[in-house]
Amino acid sequence: MDVLNFLQWPAMVISVLAAWLVAAQSKRRRQHGFWWFLASNVLWIIWGWHDRAWALIVLQVALAALNIRGVRKNEPAATNAERRTA
């Protein structure tokens, strides 16, 4: 089995783990979930490039942007306030 072809399985597992964490009530777990989603985005993009799945790559870039937004919105309030005044 091609190593890059196998990459879809860890990407899937990490995506499910991330979804579980993002759905948590704990802010800390949600924060970790968004970071895991970003890791899965990278893995899916690598796999998509290997398989020439261009629509998947575009989807993962869009989802990564949303995950970055999620990371930023889950930062402590003081950090967000500082960012708005800067």
C-alpha atoms as a PDB file:
ATOM      1  CA  MET A   1       0.000   0.000   0.000  1.00  0.00           C
ATOM      2  CA  ASP A   2       1.248   3.452  -0.935  1.00  0.00           C
ATOM      3  CA  VAL A   3       2.121   5.472   2.206  1.00  0.00           C
ATOM      4  CA  LEU A   4       0.369   8.593   0.912  1.00  0.00           C
ATOM      5  CA  ASN A   5      -2.730   6.558   0.082  1.00  0.00           C
ATOM      6  CA  PHE A   6      -2.770   5.303   3.689  1.00  0.00           C
ATOM      7  CA  LEU A   7      -2.760   8.942   4.916  1.00  0.00           C
ATOM      8  CA  GLN A   8      -6.527   9.190   4.500  1.00  0.00           C
ATOM      9  CA  TRP A   9      -7.071   6.926   7.532  1.00  0.00           C
ATOM     10  CA  PRO A  10      -5.217   9.001  10.130  1.00  0.00           C
ATOM     11  CA  ALA A  11      -6.802  12.101   8.569  1.00  0.00           C
ATOM     12  CA  MET A  12     -10.251  10.581   9.100  1.00  0.00           C
ATOM     13  CA  VAL A  13      -9.510   9.537  12.689  1.00  0.00           C
ATOM     14  CA  ILE A  14      -8.138  12.984  13.541  1.00  0.00           C
ATOM     15  CA  SER A  15     -11.202  14.630  11.942  1.00  0.00           C
ATOM     16  CA  VAL A  16     -13.552  12.551  14.106  1.00  0.00           C
ATOM     17  CA  LEU A  17     -11.487  13.277  17.231  1.00  0.00           C
ATOM     18  CA  ALA A  18     -11.535  16.989  16.407  1.00  0.00           C
ATOM     19  CA  ALA A  19     -15.307  16.996  15.916  1.00  0.00           C
ATOM     20  CA  TRP A  20     -15.714  15.284  19.290  1.00  0.00           C
ATOM     21  CA  LEU A  21     -13.543  17.902  20.985  1.00  0.00           C
ATOM     22  CA  VAL A  22     -15.172  20.885  19.262  1.00  0.00           C
ATOM     23  CA  ALA A  23     -18.573  19.683  20.488  1.00  0.00           C
ATOM     24  CA  ALA A  24     -17.347  19.702  24.110  1.00  0.00           C
ATOM     25  CA  GLN A  25     -18.617  22.235  26.614  1.00  0.00           C
ATOM     26  CA  SER A  26     -15.099  22.843  27.882  1.00  0.00           C
ATOM     27  CA  LYS A  27     -13.505  25.823  26.181  1.00  0.00           C
ATOM     28  CA  ARG A  28     -10.082  24.173  26.470  1.00  0.00           C
ATOM     29  CA  ARG A  29     -11.289  21.029  24.692  1.00  0.00           C
ATOM     30  CA  ARG A  30     -12.931  23.101  21.945  1.00  0.00           C
ATOM     31  CA  GLN A  31      -9.661  24.967  21.462  1.00  0.00           C
ATOM     32  CA  HIS A  32      -7.778  21.680  21.133  1.00  0.00           C
ATOM     33  CA  GLY A  33     -10.447  20.443  18.716  1.00  0.00           C
ATOM     34  CA  PHE A  34      -9.868  23.343  16.332  1.00  0.00           C
ATOM     35  CA  TRP A  35      -6.126  22.656  16.364  1.00  0.00           C
ATOM     36  CA  TRP A  36      -6.764  18.969  15.616  1.00  0.00           C
ATOM     37  CA  PHE A  37      -9.063  20.019  12.773  1.00  0.00           C
ATOM     38  CA  LEU A  38      -6.212  22.103  11.358  1.00  0.00           C
ATOM     39  CA  ALA A  39      -3.928  19.060  11.537  1.00  0.00           C
ATOM     40  CA  SER A  40      -6.549  17.002   9.694  1.00  0.00           C
ATOM     41  CA  ASN A  41      -6.869  19.751   7.061  1.00  0.00           C
ATOM     42  CA  VAL A  42      -3.143  19.449   6.365  1.00  0.00           C
ATOM     43  CA  LEU A  43      -3.351  15.661   6.110  1.00  0.00           C
ATOM     44  CA  TRP A  44      -6.373  15.819   3.791  1.00  0.00           C
ATOM     45  CA  ILE A  45      -4.632  18.375   1.567  1.00  0.00           C
ATOM     46  CA  ILE A  46      -1.557  16.147   1.289  1.00  0.00           C
ATOM     47  CA  TRP A  47      -3.725  13.144   0.472  1.00  0.00           C
ATOM     48  CA  GLY A  48      -5.866  15.176  -1.937  1.00  0.00           C
ATOM     49  CA  TRP A  49      -2.785  16.426  -3.782  1.00  0.00           C
ATOM     50  CA  HIS A  50      -1.522  12.865  -4.105  1.00  0.00           C
ATOM     51  CA  ASP A  51      -4.899  11.684  -5.445  1.00  0.00           C
ATOM     52  CA  ARG A  52      -5.481  14.850  -7.493  1.00  0.00           C
ATOM     53  CA  ALA A  53      -8.712  15.478  -5.597  1.00  0.00           C
ATOM     54  CA  TRP A  54      -8.799  19.210  -6.289  1.00  0.00           C
ATOM     55  CA  ALA A  55     -12.286  19.813  -4.886  1.00  0.00           C
ATOM     56  CA  LEU A  56     -11.206  18.170  -1.625  1.00  0.00           C
ATOM     57  CA  ILE A  57      -8.190  20.477  -1.440  1.00  0.00           C
ATOM     58  CA  VAL A  58     -10.357  23.566  -1.962  1.00  0.00           C
ATOM     59  CA  LEU A  59     -12.777  22.295   0.692  1.00  0.00           C
ATOM     60  CA  GLN A  60      -9.946  21.720   3.168  1.00  0.00           C
ATOM     61  CA  VAL A  61      -8.539  25.213   2.597  1.00  0.00           C
ATOM     62  CA  ALA A  62     -11.997  26.683   3.262  1.00  0.00           C
ATOM     63  CA  LEU A  63     -12.441  24.522   6.359  1.00  0.00           C
ATOM     64  CA  ALA A  64      -8.963  25.497   7.577  1.00  0.00           C
ATOM     65  CA  ALA A  65      -9.997  29.164   7.348  1.00  0.00           C
ATOM     66  CA  LEU A  66     -13.076  28.387   9.448  1.00  0.00           C
ATOM     67  CA  ASN A  67     -10.947  26.446  11.932  1.00  0.00           C
ATOM     68  CA  ILE A  68      -8.531  29.368  12.246  1.00  0.00           C
ATOM     69  CA  ARG A  69     -11.558  31.549  12.955  1.00  0.00           C
ATOM     70  CA  GLY A  70     -12.659  29.033  15.593  1.00  0.00           C
ATOM     71  CA  VAL A  71      -9.242  29.099  17.252  1.00  0.00           C
ATOM     72  CA  ARG A  72      -9.305  32.896  17.361  1.00  0.00           C
ATOM     73  CA  LYS A  73     -12.859  33.092  18.695  1.00  0.00           C
ATOM     74  CA  ASN A  74     -12.031  30.616  21.469  1.00  0.00           C
ATOM     75  CA  GLU A  75      -9.034  32.578  22.739  1.00  0.00           C
ATOM     76  CA  PRO A  76      -9.377  34.235  26.155  1.00  0.00           C
ATOM     77  CA  ALA A  77     -11.401  37.465  26.140  1.00  0.00           C
ATOM     78  CA  ALA A  78      -8.395  39.611  27.101  1.00  0.00           C
ATOM     79  CA  THR A  79      -6.482  38.484  24.034  1.00  0.00           C
ATOM     80  CA  ASN A  80      -9.469  39.237  21.775  1.00  0.00           C
ATOM     81  CA  ALA A  81      -9.898  42.688  23.325  1.00  0.00           C
ATOM     82  CA  GLU A  82      -6.219  43.467  22.763  1.00  0.00           C
ATOM     83  CA  ARG A  83      -6.503  42.404  19.131  1.00  0.00           C
ATOM     84  CA  ARG A  84      -9.516  44.707  18.556  1.00  0.00           C
ATOM     85  CA  THR A  85      -7.694  47.758  19.949  1.00  0.00           C
ATOM     86  CA  ALA A  86      -4.506  47.133  17.984  1.00  0.00           C
END
